[in-house]
Amino acid sequence: MKHIILSALMASSLLANGFTLQSNDLEGQLSKSQEFNSFGCTGENKSPELHWTNAPKGTKSFAITVYDPDAPTGSGWWHWLVVNIPKTTTSVANNASAQGTLPKGAIETVTDYGSASFGGACPPEGDKAHTYIFTVYALDVEKLEVTDKSDSALVGYMINQHVLQKASMVSYYQRTK
């Protein structure tokens, strides 16, 4: 019985110390702050503050993505892709994309909006609430061989070839008529 209790305590301790993504800006629902400001949307288009803890051993850099699998495209919608974030980084500030305050060396790549910057939520009016998956990836390389002109498919491929672990948060957003 002691062994079972000790094993359970050790397992819960390991889970409690796992790679974790959090935000002071995000909750279950996105706000006008994270809504795009074009395509009929009138939000502030601010990238959220994100912070992470307990990166796995061997992490050499990080990447961040924001993806909407509910976009009516057949392939979802990439809202933000940031790579080559130094391994010493544990957060990005609110509105870091627009303010140019991402960590030195980090590269934003082309989103499905066609620009290398954060593009907020903008589901079609009257559509169901869309799912927005914010993910930080711990990577086994210092730099991915991509540029700010690289598209989301190539960046996603490169990330997935080098991921050690990932941590995600999910928020939802719906525009009403």
C-alpha atoms as a PDB file:
ATOM      1  CA  MET A   1       0.000   0.000   0.000  1.00  0.00           C
ATOM      2  CA  LYS A   2       2.875   2.400   0.802  1.00  0.00           C
ATOM      3  CA  HIS A   3       4.306   1.798  -2.663  1.00  0.00           C
ATOM      4  CA  ILE A   4       0.990   2.637  -4.331  1.00  0.00           C
ATOM      5  CA  ILE A   5       0.612   5.873  -2.362  1.00  0.00           C
ATOM      6  CA  LEU A   6       4.241   6.855  -3.024  1.00  0.00           C
ATOM      7  CA  SER A   7       3.825   6.115  -6.741  1.00  0.00           C
ATOM      8  CA  ALA A   8       0.636   8.203  -6.889  1.00  0.00           C
ATOM      9  CA  LEU A   9       2.343  11.121  -5.130  1.00  0.00           C
ATOM     10  CA  MET A  10       5.332  10.958  -7.467  1.00  0.00           C
ATOM     11  CA  ALA A  11       3.067  10.833 -10.539  1.00  0.00           C
ATOM     12  CA  SER A  12       1.038  13.845  -9.399  1.00  0.00           C
ATOM     13  CA  SER A  13       4.262  15.710  -8.642  1.00  0.00           C
ATOM     14  CA  LEU A  14       5.524  15.015 -12.153  1.00  0.00           C
ATOM     15  CA  LEU A  15       2.264  16.201 -13.679  1.00  0.00           C
ATOM     16  CA  ALA A  16       2.282  19.338 -11.539  1.00  0.00           C
ATOM     17  CA  ASN A  17       5.739  20.210 -12.873  1.00  0.00           C
ATOM     18  CA  GLY A  18       4.949  19.597 -16.562  1.00  0.00           C
ATOM     19  CA  PHE A  19       5.524  22.044 -19.395  1.00  0.00           C
ATOM     20  CA  THR A  20       2.714  24.593 -19.005  1.00  0.00           C
ATOM     21  CA  LEU A  21       1.448  27.595 -20.982  1.00  0.00           C
ATOM     22  CA  GLN A  22      -0.517  30.353 -19.233  1.00  0.00           C
ATOM     23  CA  SER A  23      -1.698  33.890 -19.954  1.00  0.00           C
ATOM     24  CA  ASN A  24      -2.754  36.919 -17.956  1.00  0.00           C
ATOM     25  CA  ASP A  25      -4.815  38.083 -20.980  1.00  0.00           C
ATOM     26  CA  LEU A  26      -6.650  34.955 -22.108  1.00  0.00           C
ATOM     27  CA  GLU A  27      -9.647  33.311 -20.573  1.00  0.00           C
ATOM     28  CA  GLY A  28     -12.230  30.920 -21.959  1.00  0.00           C
ATOM     29  CA  GLN A  29     -13.429  33.608 -24.372  1.00  0.00           C
ATOM     30  CA  LEU A  30     -11.279  35.986 -26.397  1.00  0.00           C
ATOM     31  CA  SER A  31     -12.099  39.682 -26.176  1.00  0.00           C
ATOM     32  CA  LYS A  32     -12.138  42.647 -28.558  1.00  0.00           C
ATOM     33  CA  SER A  33      -8.487  43.062 -27.570  1.00  0.00           C
ATOM     34  CA  GLN A  34      -7.588  39.872 -29.489  1.00  0.00           C
ATOM     35  CA  GLU A  35     -10.059  40.456 -32.362  1.00  0.00           C
ATOM     36  CA  PHE A  36      -8.622  41.308 -35.786  1.00  0.00           C
ATOM     37  CA  ASN A  37      -9.090  44.836 -37.159  1.00  0.00           C
ATOM     38  CA  SER A  38     -10.017  44.180 -40.800  1.00  0.00           C
ATOM     39  CA  PHE A  39     -12.125  41.732 -42.865  1.00  0.00           C
ATOM     40  CA  GLY A  40     -15.183  43.303 -41.192  1.00  0.00           C
ATOM     41  CA  CYS A  41     -13.792  42.911 -37.664  1.00  0.00           C
ATOM     42  CA  THR A  42     -13.169  45.972 -35.485  1.00  0.00           C
ATOM     43  CA  GLY A  43     -10.976  44.681 -32.657  1.00  0.00           C
ATOM     44  CA  GLU A  44      -7.660  45.908 -31.265  1.00  0.00           C
ATOM     45  CA  ASN A  45      -5.650  43.023 -32.823  1.00  0.00           C
ATOM     46  CA  LYS A  46      -3.315  42.696 -29.823  1.00  0.00           C
ATOM     47  CA  SER A  47      -1.295  39.534 -29.371  1.00  0.00           C
ATOM     48  CA  PRO A  48      -1.843  38.231 -25.835  1.00  0.00           C
ATOM     49  CA  GLU A  49       0.675  37.995 -23.032  1.00  0.00           C
ATOM     50  CA  LEU A  50       1.876  34.399 -22.800  1.00  0.00           C
ATOM     51  CA  HIS A  51       4.206  32.756 -20.286  1.00  0.00           C
ATOM     52  CA  TRP A  52       5.418  29.216 -19.820  1.00  0.00           C
ATOM     53  CA  THR A  53       7.169  27.123 -17.204  1.00  0.00           C
ATOM     54  CA  ASN A  54       8.985  23.812 -16.865  1.00  0.00           C
ATOM     55  CA  ALA A  55      10.389  23.459 -20.360  1.00  0.00           C
ATOM     56  CA  PRO A  56      11.823  19.998 -20.964  1.00  0.00           C
ATOM     57  CA  LYS A  57      15.507  19.230 -20.668  1.00  0.00           C
ATOM     58  CA  GLY A  58      17.282  19.752 -23.980  1.00  0.00           C
ATOM     59  CA  THR A  59      15.163  22.729 -25.064  1.00  0.00           C
ATOM     60  CA  LYS A  60      17.199  24.947 -27.395  1.00  0.00           C
ATOM     61  CA  SER A  61      14.450  27.346 -28.530  1.00  0.00           C
ATOM     62  CA  PHE A  62      10.694  27.909 -28.517  1.00  0.00           C
ATOM     63  CA  ALA A  63       7.985  28.536 -31.093  1.00  0.00           C
ATOM     64  CA  ILE A  64       4.468  29.918 -30.642  1.00  0.00           C
ATOM     65  CA  THR A  65       1.441  29.313 -32.853  1.00  0.00           C
ATOM     66  CA  VAL A  66      -2.203  30.346 -32.781  1.00  0.00           C
ATOM     67  CA  TYR A  67      -4.530  28.196 -34.873  1.00  0.00           C
ATOM     68  CA  ASP A  68      -8.286  28.150 -35.555  1.00  0.00           C
ATOM     69  CA  PRO A  69      -9.363  24.669 -36.705  1.00  0.00           C
ATOM     70  CA  ASP A  70     -12.965  25.897 -37.191  1.00  0.00           C
ATOM     71  CA  ALA A  71     -12.235  28.412 -39.970  1.00  0.00           C
ATOM     72  CA  PRO A  72     -14.369  27.616 -43.035  1.00  0.00           C
ATOM     73  CA  THR A  73     -11.359  26.956 -45.262  1.00  0.00           C
ATOM     74  CA  GLY A  74     -11.078  23.175 -45.173  1.00  0.00           C
ATOM     75  CA  SER A  75      -7.683  23.512 -43.505  1.00  0.00           C
ATOM     76  CA  GLY A  76      -8.208  25.894 -40.572  1.00  0.00           C
ATOM     77  CA  TRP A  77      -6.534  29.293 -40.146  1.00  0.00           C
ATOM     78  CA  TRP A  78      -3.087  30.208 -38.796  1.00  0.00           C
ATOM     79  CA  HIS A  79      -3.268  33.457 -36.795  1.00  0.00           C
ATOM     80  CA  TRP A  80       0.302  33.684 -35.482  1.00  0.00           C
ATOM     81  CA  LEU A  81       3.573  31.843 -35.954  1.00  0.00           C
ATOM     82  CA  VAL A  82       6.703  32.878 -34.057  1.00  0.00           C
ATOM     83  CA  VAL A  83       9.917  30.841 -34.170  1.00  0.00           C
ATOM     84  CA  ASN A  84      13.506  31.032 -32.957  1.00  0.00           C
ATOM     85  CA  ILE A  85      12.544  32.311 -29.523  1.00  0.00           C
ATOM     86  CA  PRO A  86      15.680  31.926 -27.356  1.00  0.00           C
ATOM     87  CA  LYS A  87      15.686  29.114 -24.789  1.00  0.00           C
ATOM     88  CA  THR A  88      16.151  31.648 -21.969  1.00  0.00           C
ATOM     89  CA  THR A  89      12.788  33.252 -22.778  1.00  0.00           C
ATOM     90  CA  THR A  90       9.772  32.322 -20.671  1.00  0.00           C
ATOM     91  CA  SER A  91       7.221  34.899 -21.827  1.00  0.00           C
ATOM     92  CA  VAL A  92       6.064  37.346 -24.467  1.00  0.00           C
ATOM     93  CA  ALA A  93       4.382  40.611 -23.525  1.00  0.00           C
ATOM     94  CA  ASN A  94       0.890  41.796 -24.443  1.00  0.00           C
ATOM     95  CA  ASN A  95       0.874  43.306 -27.948  1.00  0.00           C
ATOM     96  CA  ALA A  96       4.492  42.193 -28.524  1.00  0.00           C
ATOM     97  CA  SER A  97       3.787  41.588 -32.213  1.00  0.00           C
ATOM     98  CA  ALA A  98       2.648  45.159 -33.004  1.00  0.00           C
ATOM     99  CA  GLN A  99       5.106  46.812 -30.632  1.00  0.00           C
ATOM    100  CA  GLY A 100       8.103  44.880 -31.934  1.00  0.00           C
ATOM    101  CA  THR A 101       8.987  43.636 -28.445  1.00  0.00           C
ATOM    102  CA  LEU A 102       9.358  39.935 -29.193  1.00  0.00           C
ATOM    103  CA  PRO A 103      12.612  38.469 -27.849  1.00  0.00           C
ATOM    104  CA  LYS A 104      15.758  39.237 -29.835  1.00  0.00           C
ATOM    105  CA  GLY A 105      16.200  36.714 -32.627  1.00  0.00           C
ATOM    106  CA  ALA A 106      12.527  35.679 -32.764  1.00  0.00           C
ATOM    107  CA  ILE A 107      10.940  35.658 -36.216  1.00  0.00           C
ATOM    108  CA  GLU A 108       7.255  36.067 -37.028  1.00  0.00           C
ATOM    109  CA  THR A 109       6.320  34.190 -40.198  1.00  0.00           C
ATOM    110  CA  VAL A 110       3.441  34.562 -42.647  1.00  0.00           C
ATOM    111  CA  THR A 111      -0.037  33.876 -41.267  1.00  0.00           C
ATOM    112  CA  ASP A 112      -3.114  33.058 -43.295  1.00  0.00           C
ATOM    113  CA  TYR A 113      -3.862  36.789 -43.344  1.00  0.00           C
ATOM    114  CA  GLY A 114      -0.746  37.100 -45.532  1.00  0.00           C
ATOM    115  CA  SER A 115       1.461  39.036 -43.110  1.00  0.00           C
ATOM    116  CA  ALA A 116       4.217  38.150 -40.689  1.00  0.00           C
ATOM    117  CA  SER A 117       2.466  39.411 -37.567  1.00  0.00           C
ATOM    118  CA  PHE A 118      -0.296  38.523 -35.124  1.00  0.00           C
ATOM    119  CA  GLY A 119      -3.722  38.377 -36.737  1.00  0.00           C
ATOM    120  CA  GLY A 120      -6.546  38.201 -34.240  1.00  0.00           C
ATOM    121  CA  ALA A 121      -9.799  36.281 -34.251  1.00  0.00           C
ATOM    122  CA  CYS A 122     -12.291  37.135 -36.969  1.00  0.00           C
ATOM    123  CA  PRO A 123     -14.795  34.324 -37.498  1.00  0.00           C
ATOM    124  CA  PRO A 124     -17.607  34.990 -39.949  1.00  0.00           C
ATOM    125  CA  GLU A 125     -20.562  36.851 -38.433  1.00  0.00           C
ATOM    126  CA  GLY A 126     -23.199  34.481 -37.139  1.00  0.00           C
ATOM    127  CA  ASP A 127     -20.905  31.425 -37.366  1.00  0.00           C
ATOM    128  CA  LYS A 128     -20.543  29.150 -34.343  1.00  0.00           C
ATOM    129  CA  ALA A 129     -17.892  30.017 -31.771  1.00  0.00           C
ATOM    130  CA  HIS A 130     -14.454  29.244 -33.181  1.00  0.00           C
ATOM    131  CA  THR A 131     -11.696  27.474 -31.262  1.00  0.00           C
ATOM    132  CA  TYR A 132      -8.354  29.280 -30.896  1.00  0.00           C
ATOM    133  CA  ILE A 133      -5.447  27.072 -29.874  1.00  0.00           C
ATOM    134  CA  PHE A 134      -2.462  28.926 -28.438  1.00  0.00           C
ATOM    135  CA  THR A 135       0.583  26.632 -28.337  1.00  0.00           C
ATOM    136  CA  VAL A 136       4.188  27.019 -27.236  1.00  0.00           C
ATOM    137  CA  TYR A 137       6.622  24.390 -28.499  1.00  0.00           C
ATOM    138  CA  ALA A 138       9.935  23.449 -26.884  1.00  0.00           C
ATOM    139  CA  LEU A 139      12.304  22.666 -29.757  1.00  0.00           C
ATOM    140  CA  ASP A 140      15.549  20.691 -30.003  1.00  0.00           C
ATOM    141  CA  VAL A 141      17.271  23.252 -32.284  1.00  0.00           C
ATOM    142  CA  GLU A 142      18.303  26.873 -31.696  1.00  0.00           C
ATOM    143  CA  LYS A 143      16.947  28.057 -35.037  1.00  0.00           C
ATOM    144  CA  LEU A 144      14.538  26.798 -37.624  1.00  0.00           C
ATOM    145  CA  GLU A 145      15.665  27.463 -41.177  1.00  0.00           C
ATOM    146  CA  VAL A 146      12.739  29.709 -42.095  1.00  0.00           C
ATOM    147  CA  THR A 147      12.307  33.410 -42.807  1.00  0.00           C
ATOM    148  CA  ASP A 148       9.613  35.997 -42.209  1.00  0.00           C
ATOM    149  CA  LYS A 149       8.334  35.117 -45.716  1.00  0.00           C
ATOM    150  CA  SER A 150       7.891  31.391 -44.943  1.00  0.00           C
ATOM    151  CA  ASP A 151       4.310  30.156 -45.099  1.00  0.00           C
ATOM    152  CA  SER A 152       2.427  28.381 -42.324  1.00  0.00           C
ATOM    153  CA  ALA A 153       2.661  24.895 -43.888  1.00  0.00           C
ATOM    154  CA  LEU A 154       6.470  25.022 -44.057  1.00  0.00           C
ATOM    155  CA  VAL A 155       6.767  26.535 -40.569  1.00  0.00           C
ATOM    156  CA  GLY A 156       4.400  23.916 -39.119  1.00  0.00           C
ATOM    157  CA  TYR A 157       6.419  21.161 -40.765  1.00  0.00           C
ATOM    158  CA  MET A 158       9.706  22.535 -39.391  1.00  0.00           C
ATOM    159  CA  ILE A 159       8.268  22.914 -35.884  1.00  0.00           C
ATOM    160  CA  ASN A 160       6.925  19.371 -35.884  1.00  0.00           C
ATOM    161  CA  GLN A 161      10.290  17.973 -36.990  1.00  0.00           C
ATOM    162  CA  HIS A 162      11.967  19.443 -33.892  1.00  0.00           C
ATOM    163  CA  VAL A 163       9.361  19.455 -31.108  1.00  0.00           C
ATOM    164  CA  LEU A 164      10.348  18.032 -27.721  1.00  0.00           C
ATOM    165  CA  GLN A 165       7.088  18.974 -26.000  1.00  0.00           C
ATOM    166  CA  LYS A 166       4.253  21.408 -26.431  1.00  0.00           C
ATOM    167  CA  ALA A 167       1.818  23.158 -24.129  1.00  0.00           C
ATOM    168  CA  SER A 168      -1.494  24.674 -25.242  1.00  0.00           C
ATOM    169  CA  MET A 169      -4.372  26.848 -24.090  1.00  0.00           C
ATOM    170  CA  VAL A 170      -7.764  27.026 -25.775  1.00  0.00           C
ATOM    171  CA  SER A 171     -10.065  30.031 -26.022  1.00  0.00           C
ATOM    172  CA  TYR A 172     -13.208  30.623 -28.059  1.00  0.00           C
ATOM    173  CA  TYR A 173     -14.622  33.569 -29.981  1.00  0.00           C
ATOM    174  CA  GLN A 174     -17.860  34.273 -31.803  1.00  0.00           C
ATOM    175  CA  ARG A 175     -19.081  37.344 -33.657  1.00  0.00           C
ATOM    176  CA  THR A 176     -22.794  37.910 -33.534  1.00  0.00           C
ATOM    177  CA  LYS A 177     -24.849  39.820 -36.068  1.00  0.00           C
END
